[in-house]
Protein backbone atom coordinates (compact mmCIF):
# COMPACT_ATOMS: atom_id res chain seq x y z
CA MET A 1 8.60 -10.08 -25.44
CA ARG A 2 5.81 -10.37 -22.89
CA LEU A 3 5.97 -8.66 -19.50
CA LEU A 4 3.89 -9.06 -16.37
CA HIS A 5 3.65 -5.73 -14.53
CA THR A 6 2.91 -5.94 -10.80
CA SER A 7 3.77 -3.85 -7.74
CA ASP A 8 2.99 -3.01 -4.12
CA TRP A 9 3.02 -6.54 -2.75
CA HIS A 10 3.50 -5.22 0.82
CA VAL A 11 4.42 -8.69 2.03
CA GLY A 12 4.00 -8.79 5.80
CA ARG A 13 1.20 -6.24 5.96
CA THR A 14 -1.73 -6.80 8.28
CA PHE A 15 -5.34 -5.76 7.74
CA HIS A 16 -6.64 -4.02 10.87
CA GLY A 17 -4.47 -6.39 12.91
CA ARG A 18 -5.26 -9.54 10.90
CA ASP A 19 -2.27 -11.41 9.44
CA LEU A 20 -2.37 -11.62 5.62
CA LEU A 21 0.71 -13.72 4.86
CA ALA A 22 -1.29 -16.78 3.80
CA GLU A 23 -3.54 -14.73 1.51
CA GLN A 24 -0.56 -12.86 0.06
CA GLU A 25 1.34 -16.05 -0.69
CA SER A 26 -1.73 -17.62 -2.29
CA VAL A 27 -2.42 -14.72 -4.67
CA LEU A 28 1.23 -14.01 -5.51
CA SER A 29 2.13 -17.66 -6.04
CA GLY A 30 -0.78 -17.84 -8.47
CA LEU A 31 1.15 -15.44 -10.69
CA ALA A 32 3.50 -18.34 -11.49
CA GLU A 33 0.59 -20.16 -13.16
CA LEU A 34 -0.11 -17.00 -15.17
CA VAL A 35 3.53 -16.84 -16.23
CA VAL A 36 3.27 -20.38 -17.61
CA ALA A 37 -0.16 -19.94 -19.22
CA GLU A 38 0.71 -16.63 -20.90
CA ARG A 39 4.36 -17.46 -21.65
CA VAL A 40 5.58 -14.41 -19.77
CA ASP A 41 9.25 -13.59 -20.30
CA VAL A 42 9.81 -10.96 -17.61
CA VAL A 43 8.00 -10.10 -14.36
CA VAL A 44 8.54 -6.54 -13.11
CA VAL A 45 7.79 -5.54 -9.51
CA SER A 46 7.63 -1.75 -9.20
CA GLY A 47 8.36 -1.26 -5.53
CA ASP A 48 7.02 -1.98 -2.04
CA LEU A 49 8.00 -5.60 -2.11
CA TYR A 50 7.65 -5.55 1.69
CA ASP A 51 5.45 -3.47 3.97
CA ARG A 52 8.30 -2.49 6.28
CA ALA A 53 11.90 -1.45 5.88
CA VAL A 54 12.80 -4.25 8.30
CA PRO A 55 10.40 -7.09 7.38
CA SER A 56 9.81 -10.05 9.65
CA GLY A 57 11.54 -13.36 9.00
CA GLU A 58 8.20 -14.86 7.96
CA ALA A 59 7.62 -12.06 5.43
CA VAL A 60 11.08 -12.56 3.92
CA GLU A 61 10.55 -16.33 3.66
CA THR A 62 7.18 -15.78 1.97
CA CYS A 63 8.69 -13.35 -0.52
CA VAL A 64 11.60 -15.68 -1.31
CA ARG A 65 9.19 -18.55 -1.99
CA VAL A 66 7.04 -16.42 -4.31
CA LEU A 67 10.00 -15.05 -6.26
CA GLY A 68 11.39 -18.58 -6.54
CA ARG A 69 8.13 -19.88 -8.00
CA LEU A 70 8.04 -17.10 -10.58
CA ARG A 71 11.60 -17.87 -11.61
CA GLU A 72 10.89 -21.61 -11.79
CA ALA A 73 7.91 -20.81 -14.04
CA GLY A 74 10.38 -19.45 -16.57
CA ALA A 75 10.31 -15.68 -16.07
CA ARG A 76 13.19 -13.39 -15.34
CA LEU A 77 12.47 -10.78 -12.68
CA VAL A 78 13.27 -7.08 -12.36
CA VAL A 79 12.52 -5.52 -8.95
CA ILE A 80 12.90 -2.02 -7.48
CA PRO A 81 12.35 -0.86 -3.87
CA GLY A 82 9.47 1.45 -2.94
CA ASN A 83 8.99 3.92 -0.12
CA HIS A 84 8.10 1.11 2.30
CA ASP A 85 11.27 -0.87 1.50
CA SER A 86 14.86 -0.58 2.61
CA ALA A 87 16.78 -0.33 -0.66
CA ALA A 88 19.92 -1.70 0.98
CA ARG A 89 18.11 -4.77 2.35
CA VAL A 90 16.19 -5.49 -0.84
CA GLY A 91 19.38 -5.14 -2.87
CA ALA A 92 21.55 -7.32 -0.68
CA PHE A 93 23.41 -9.94 -2.78
CA GLY A 94 21.94 -8.35 -5.91
CA GLU A 95 24.96 -9.21 -8.05
CA PHE A 96 24.64 -12.88 -7.15
CA ALA A 97 20.84 -12.88 -7.62
CA ALA A 98 21.22 -11.43 -11.13
CA ALA A 99 23.14 -14.54 -12.18
CA GLY A 100 20.00 -16.54 -11.39
CA GLY A 101 17.62 -14.21 -13.25
CA LEU A 102 16.53 -11.95 -10.35
CA HIS A 103 17.62 -8.37 -11.04
CA LEU A 104 17.37 -6.11 -7.97
CA ARG A 105 17.75 -2.50 -9.14
CA THR A 106 18.18 -0.62 -5.88
CA ARG A 107 21.11 1.78 -6.33
CA ILE A 108 20.30 5.37 -7.31
CA SER A 109 23.79 5.91 -8.67
CA LEU A 110 23.28 3.09 -11.20
CA LEU A 111 19.70 3.80 -12.30
CA HIS A 112 20.91 4.69 -15.81
CA GLU A 113 22.45 1.23 -16.27
CA PRO A 114 19.77 -1.10 -17.67
CA VAL A 115 19.14 -4.79 -17.44
CA LEU A 116 19.35 -5.94 -21.06
CA ILE A 117 17.11 -8.87 -21.99
CA ASP A 118 17.00 -10.13 -25.57
CA ASP A 119 14.17 -11.51 -27.66
CA GLU A 120 13.98 -12.33 -31.38
CA HIS A 121 13.96 -8.59 -32.21
CA GLY A 122 17.03 -7.69 -30.16
CA PRO A 123 17.55 -6.20 -26.68
CA VAL A 124 14.99 -4.59 -24.38
CA ALA A 125 16.51 -2.21 -21.83
CA PHE A 126 14.90 -2.34 -18.36
CA TYR A 127 15.72 0.69 -16.18
CA GLY A 128 14.91 0.51 -12.49
CA ILE A 129 14.32 3.84 -10.75
CA PRO A 130 14.04 3.04 -7.04
CA TYR A 131 11.90 5.26 -4.85
CA LEU A 132 13.68 8.62 -4.73
CA GLU A 133 13.45 10.47 -1.42
CA PRO A 134 14.12 13.97 -2.81
CA ASP A 135 16.97 15.34 -0.69
CA PRO A 136 19.00 12.12 -0.20
CA ALA A 137 18.46 11.21 -3.87
CA ARG A 138 19.60 14.67 -4.93
CA GLN A 139 22.83 14.24 -3.00
CA VAL A 140 23.51 10.84 -4.59
CA LEU A 141 22.75 12.08 -8.10
CA ASP A 142 24.99 15.11 -7.63
CA ALA A 143 27.81 12.91 -6.31
CA HIS A 144 27.49 10.43 -9.22
CA PRO A 145 27.00 12.29 -12.53
CA GLY A 146 26.42 8.93 -14.23
CA VAL A 147 26.33 10.16 -17.82
CA PRO A 148 28.44 12.72 -19.72
CA GLY A 149 27.20 16.28 -19.33
CA ALA A 150 25.09 15.61 -16.22
CA GLU A 151 24.67 18.71 -14.07
CA PRO A 152 23.76 19.12 -10.38
CA VAL A 153 20.04 18.90 -9.63
CA ALA A 154 19.09 22.57 -9.39
CA GLU A 155 15.63 22.23 -7.80
CA ARG A 156 14.22 20.35 -4.84
CA GLY A 157 11.34 17.87 -4.72
CA HIS A 158 10.12 14.68 -6.37
CA ARG A 159 9.72 16.21 -9.81
CA ALA A 160 13.31 17.45 -9.93
CA VAL A 161 14.98 14.16 -8.96
CA LEU A 162 12.72 12.06 -11.20
CA ALA A 163 13.33 14.42 -14.10
CA GLU A 164 17.08 14.03 -13.60
CA ALA A 165 16.70 10.24 -13.35
CA MET A 166 14.81 10.16 -16.65
CA HIS A 167 17.34 12.52 -18.24
CA ARG A 168 20.00 9.93 -17.44
CA VAL A 169 17.85 7.09 -18.74
CA ASN A 170 17.23 8.89 -22.03
CA ALA A 171 20.89 9.80 -22.38
CA ASP A 172 21.83 6.15 -22.00
CA LEU A 173 19.17 5.13 -24.53
CA ASP A 174 20.59 7.63 -27.00
CA ALA A 175 24.08 6.22 -26.49
CA ARG A 176 22.77 2.70 -27.18
CA GLY A 177 20.97 3.69 -30.35
CA ARG A 178 17.46 3.76 -28.81
CA PRO A 179 16.61 0.08 -28.17
CA ARG A 180 13.13 -0.75 -26.89
CA SER A 181 12.83 0.28 -23.27
CA VAL A 182 10.88 -0.26 -20.06
CA VAL A 183 11.15 1.92 -16.94
CA LEU A 184 10.13 0.80 -13.46
CA ALA A 185 9.36 3.71 -11.10
CA HIS A 186 7.74 4.17 -7.70
CA ALA A 187 6.06 7.58 -7.56
CA PHE A 188 2.75 9.48 -7.39
CA VAL A 189 2.11 10.60 -10.97
CA THR A 190 -0.41 13.39 -11.58
CA GLY A 191 -3.79 11.98 -12.58
CA GLY A 192 -3.58 8.86 -10.44
CA ASP A 193 -6.28 8.02 -7.87
CA ALA A 194 -5.02 7.32 -4.36
CA SER A 195 -6.41 4.96 -1.69
CA ASP A 196 -6.42 5.15 2.11
CA SER A 197 -3.71 2.49 2.45
CA GLU A 198 -0.87 4.33 0.71
CA ARG A 199 1.73 6.05 2.84
CA PRO A 200 2.28 9.68 1.72
CA ILE A 201 5.63 10.10 -0.03
CA ALA A 202 6.17 13.77 0.76
CA VAL A 203 6.33 15.76 3.97
CA GLY A 204 5.46 19.27 2.84
CA GLY A 205 5.77 20.45 -0.75
CA VAL A 206 4.26 18.70 -3.77
CA GLU A 207 4.58 14.94 -4.00
CA GLN A 208 3.07 14.46 -7.46
CA VAL A 209 5.06 14.42 -10.68
CA PRO A 210 3.67 14.97 -14.21
CA GLY A 211 3.44 12.00 -16.54
CA GLY A 212 5.48 13.88 -19.14
CA VAL A 213 8.58 13.28 -17.02
CA PHE A 214 8.56 9.71 -18.37
CA ASP A 215 8.47 10.58 -22.08
CA GLY A 216 10.88 8.76 -24.36
CA VAL A 217 10.38 5.11 -23.35
CA ASP A 218 8.09 2.37 -24.63
CA TYR A 219 6.46 1.39 -21.33
CA VAL A 220 6.50 2.76 -17.76
CA ALA A 221 5.60 0.25 -15.04
CA LEU A 222 4.51 2.41 -12.10
CA GLY A 223 4.16 1.48 -8.45
CA HIS A 224 2.85 3.25 -5.30
CA LEU A 225 -0.89 3.72 -5.94
CA HIS A 226 -2.91 0.64 -4.97
CA GLY A 227 -5.64 0.87 -7.61
CA PRO A 228 -4.90 -0.43 -11.13
CA GLN A 229 -5.10 2.49 -13.53
CA ARG A 230 -4.10 3.71 -16.97
CA LEU A 231 -2.71 7.25 -17.20
CA ALA A 232 -1.66 6.80 -20.83
CA GLU A 233 -1.30 3.76 -23.08
CA HIS A 234 2.34 3.36 -22.05
CA LEU A 235 1.99 4.71 -18.47
CA ARG A 236 0.16 2.51 -15.95
CA TYR A 237 -0.16 1.47 -12.31
CA SER A 238 -0.75 -2.21 -11.69
CA GLY A 239 -1.96 -1.56 -8.14
CA SER A 240 -1.58 -3.88 -5.16
CA PRO A 241 -2.50 -7.57 -5.48
CA LEU A 242 -4.77 -7.43 -2.40
CA ALA A 243 -6.95 -4.74 -0.85
CA TYR A 244 -5.26 -3.09 2.12
CA SER A 245 -8.03 -0.67 3.15
CA PHE A 246 -11.82 -0.55 2.96
CA SER A 247 -11.50 2.30 0.45
CA GLU A 248 -10.30 -0.36 -2.03
CA ALA A 249 -13.41 -2.54 -1.74
CA ALA A 250 -14.64 -1.68 -5.24
CA GLN A 251 -11.26 -2.05 -6.95
CA ARG A 252 -10.71 -5.00 -9.27
CA LYS A 253 -7.21 -6.09 -8.31
CA SER A 254 -5.17 -7.06 -11.35
CA VAL A 255 -1.87 -7.12 -13.19
CA TRP A 256 -0.96 -5.91 -16.69
CA LEU A 257 0.28 -8.21 -19.45
CA VAL A 258 2.44 -6.08 -21.75
CA ASP A 259 3.57 -7.12 -25.21
CA LEU A 260 6.54 -5.53 -26.99
CA ASP A 261 7.11 -6.18 -30.69
CA ALA A 262 9.93 -5.04 -32.96
CA ALA A 263 8.63 -1.45 -32.98
CA GLY A 264 7.97 -1.10 -29.24
CA LEU A 265 4.70 -1.28 -27.28
CA ALA A 266 2.22 -3.52 -29.11
CA GLU A 267 -0.57 -4.37 -26.63
CA VAL A 268 -1.50 -4.20 -22.95
CA ARG A 269 -4.07 -6.55 -21.39
CA ARG A 270 -5.53 -6.66 -17.94
CA HIS A 271 -5.65 -9.87 -15.91
CA GLU A 272 -7.80 -9.83 -12.77
CA LEU A 273 -6.55 -11.53 -9.62
CA PRO A 274 -8.51 -13.74 -7.22
CA VAL A 275 -9.94 -12.16 -4.07
CA PRO A 276 -9.09 -14.21 -0.95
CA ARG A 277 -11.66 -12.42 1.20
CA ARG A 278 -14.06 -9.69 0.11
CA LEU A 279 -14.58 -6.43 2.01
CA ALA A 280 -17.91 -5.10 3.26
CA THR A 281 -18.94 -1.93 5.07
CA LEU A 282 -22.22 -2.30 6.99
CA ARG A 283 -24.30 0.34 8.73
CA GLY A 284 -27.14 -0.02 11.20
CA GLU A 285 -28.07 -0.90 14.75
CA LEU A 286 -26.06 -3.74 16.24
CA GLU A 287 -28.97 -6.12 16.72
CA VAL A 288 -30.18 -5.54 13.15
CA LEU A 289 -26.72 -6.29 11.75
CA ARG A 290 -26.56 -9.47 13.84
CA THR A 291 -29.92 -10.81 12.68
CA ALA A 292 -30.99 -9.29 9.35
CA PRO A 293 -31.00 -11.98 6.60
CA GLU A 294 -29.82 -9.52 3.93
CA HIS A 295 -26.38 -9.50 5.55
CA ALA A 296 -25.85 -13.26 5.19
CA ALA A 297 -23.67 -12.73 2.11
CA HIS A 298 -21.20 -10.73 4.21
CA GLU A 299 -20.59 -13.30 6.92
CA ASP A 300 -17.25 -14.42 5.43
CA CYS A 301 -16.07 -10.89 4.53
CA PHE A 302 -13.71 -8.54 6.28
CA VAL A 303 -16.33 -6.24 7.83
CA SER A 304 -16.22 -2.60 8.83
CA ALA A 305 -19.36 -1.74 10.78
CA VAL A 306 -20.88 1.66 11.57
CA LEU A 307 -23.28 1.27 14.50
CA THR A 308 -26.18 3.73 14.66
CA ASP A 309 -27.61 2.71 18.07
CA GLU A 310 -28.64 5.71 20.20
CA VAL A 311 -26.66 4.23 23.10
CA ARG A 312 -23.16 2.87 22.50
CA PRO A 313 -23.51 -0.94 22.71
CA ILE A 314 -21.38 -2.70 25.29
CA ASP A 315 -18.97 -5.38 23.99
CA ALA A 316 -20.07 -4.56 20.43
CA MET A 317 -17.12 -6.10 18.56
CA ARG A 318 -17.46 -9.46 20.30
CA LEU A 319 -21.18 -9.55 19.60
CA LEU A 320 -20.66 -8.54 15.97
CA GLN A 321 -18.01 -11.23 15.49
CA GLU A 322 -20.47 -13.92 16.58
CA ARG A 323 -22.03 -13.48 13.15
CA PHE A 324 -19.16 -11.88 11.24
CA PRO A 325 -15.99 -13.60 12.51
CA HIS A 326 -13.82 -11.40 10.28
CA ALA A 327 -15.19 -8.07 11.53
CA VAL A 328 -12.11 -5.89 12.04
CA HIS A 329 -13.30 -2.29 12.35
CA LEU A 330 -16.07 -0.61 14.31
CA GLU A 331 -17.42 2.94 14.60
CA TRP A 332 -20.30 4.38 16.58
CA GLN A 333 -22.33 7.09 14.82
CA PRO A 334 -25.71 7.33 16.58
CA ALA A 335 -28.64 8.15 14.30
CA GLY A 336 -29.36 11.87 14.27
CA GLY A 337 -25.94 12.72 15.64
CA ARG A 338 -25.04 13.67 19.19
CA ALA A 339 -25.52 16.87 21.11
CA THR A 340 -22.95 19.35 19.89
CA GLY A 341 -23.06 21.90 22.72
CA GLU A 342 -19.49 21.75 24.04
CA LEU A 343 -18.10 23.49 27.09
CA ARG A 344 -14.54 24.08 28.13
CA TYR A 345 -13.45 21.46 30.65
CA SER A 346 -13.11 24.00 33.45
CA GLU A 347 -16.67 25.22 32.84
CA ALA A 348 -18.09 21.70 32.51
CA VAL A 349 -16.81 20.59 35.93
CA ARG A 350 -17.14 23.85 37.88
CA GLY A 351 -19.17 23.42 41.05
CA ARG A 352 -19.93 19.72 40.42
CA GLU A 353 -19.27 16.82 42.78
CA ASP A 354 -16.73 14.17 41.75
CA THR A 355 -19.46 11.57 41.43
CA ALA A 356 -21.47 13.82 39.09
CA ILE A 357 -18.39 14.39 36.92
CA ALA A 358 -17.74 10.65 36.71
CA ASP A 359 -21.40 9.97 35.84
CA GLY A 360 -21.25 12.63 33.14
CA PHE A 361 -18.09 11.13 31.66
CA VAL A 362 -19.76 7.72 31.29
CA ALA A 363 -22.89 9.27 29.78
CA ASP A 364 -20.84 11.31 27.30
CA CYS A 365 -18.76 8.34 26.14
CA ARG A 366 -21.58 5.80 25.94
CA GLY A 367 -24.60 7.93 25.19
CA SER A 368 -26.58 6.73 28.25
CA GLU A 369 -26.52 7.33 32.00
CA PRO A 370 -24.67 4.79 34.18
CA THR A 371 -26.75 2.17 35.95
CA GLU A 372 -27.10 2.12 39.73
CA GLY A 373 -24.54 -0.68 39.91
CA GLU A 374 -22.10 1.30 37.77
CA ARG A 375 -22.62 4.39 39.95
CA ALA A 376 -21.76 2.30 43.00
CA LEU A 377 -18.53 1.13 41.35
CA LEU A 378 -17.60 4.68 40.39
CA ALA A 379 -18.27 5.90 43.92
CA GLU A 380 -16.10 3.13 45.38
CA ALA A 381 -13.28 4.00 42.98
CA LEU A 382 -13.46 7.67 43.99
CA ARG A 383 -13.36 6.75 47.68
CA ALA A 384 -10.27 4.60 47.09
CA VAL A 385 -8.53 7.53 45.38
CA GLN A 386 -9.43 9.85 48.25
CA VAL A 387 -8.07 7.39 50.84
CA ALA A 388 -4.82 7.06 48.90
CA GLU A 389 -4.43 10.84 48.74
CA VAL A 390 -4.93 11.14 52.54
CA ARG A 391 -2.26 8.47 53.18
CA GLU A 392 0.23 10.31 50.99
C-alpha cells in the first residue's frame, strides 16, 4: 500500500493580507497528478485543513474541489482536524462521506476505531487522533472509556491526553491481532522545528510531547509544524504545502510517499512541491532597493523589506511596490540604530509648548524634524483643538 502524507493546508489563509486561494488550489490540485503518477492508494491529511474554525464559503468550495480531485484520481482519503479547525464542522456528514472514500476522523470518543483499508497483504488500520485540547479532551476520554480497562486520565496536559489516546489505539491493535497501522496526529512532538506561522497549541504549561508516546505503530503522519521533517523513520511531519511566513523561505515544501509491505513500513520518499511565489527578505536604503540591479531576481517575489534610511521614508510601501508589486511587509531600522535615551512622558513634555511637543513627536516617529509646511499644519491643528475646547 502506498500513502501520501500531507497536512496543514490552511485553506483560506492570507499572506500579510494577500489572498492565497488560487495558489493553494493550484498546489493542492497538483497532488492529484502525483496520486496518478505514483499509484497512491490513500492520502492522509493530518489536520488544519482550513485556517479558521469558521472558514469562508470560498475556502470551503476550494477544499471540496481539491478533495474531489484527489478522490477522482483514485485515492481514498483520511482526514483529521487540527487546532485551526472546528472538528464538528470538518466532520459534518462524515458517515455519508465515508461511503464515497472520504474518511473524516473528528470524534475524540471514537479515535480508537480505525478506518480499515485492505491491500494484497490484508488490512491496514488508520487511526485518526484529532487535535486534543487537553482539558476538553480529558473530559471526553473520561466520559467514553472506549476500550476495556481504560482508566480516567490522571494528569493534565498534551502529553497525558495523547498518551491515553495511544493507549487506546494500541489496545485496539492488540484486540485485532496487530495488523499494520498508521496514526494521524496533530501535535508538537519534541525535536520538531517550529516556524513563525504556527499558532501555539498551549496556553501555559508544556505543549510538546515526546515521540515515544507514538510507539507501537508502523507509521505516524504528524501535522502542526510547517516544515517537513523526520523525527524517526516512522515519525514525520509533512509540513504545509505553501510557505505562510518569511521564516519558511528556506524550507523545501514537500509531501511524503510512504510504502507499507507485508511486514509494515518499507520505504519513505520525499516529493517536493512547486512554489507559486518565492519569498525574499531585502535590507537597505529605499532608493537602493528600488534601483539596484542585483535585486531584479526578487521583483516577482513576496518581499519583506527592512529599510535602513536615517530618516523614515514617506510613502515607502507604495514606492517599494513600484518595483516589487508583491511587497507585503516593511520595517524601518535606521543604520546605526536610534538614540536610546528615553524619558518618562511627564518629564519629556514638562515645560514645553504644545507646538514643540508636536514637533518632537514627528521627529521621533520619522527620524527627522518636520518641514516648515508641516509645522504650519500642526500649529493650525492645535489652534482648532483650542477653539473647540473654549466652545465646550
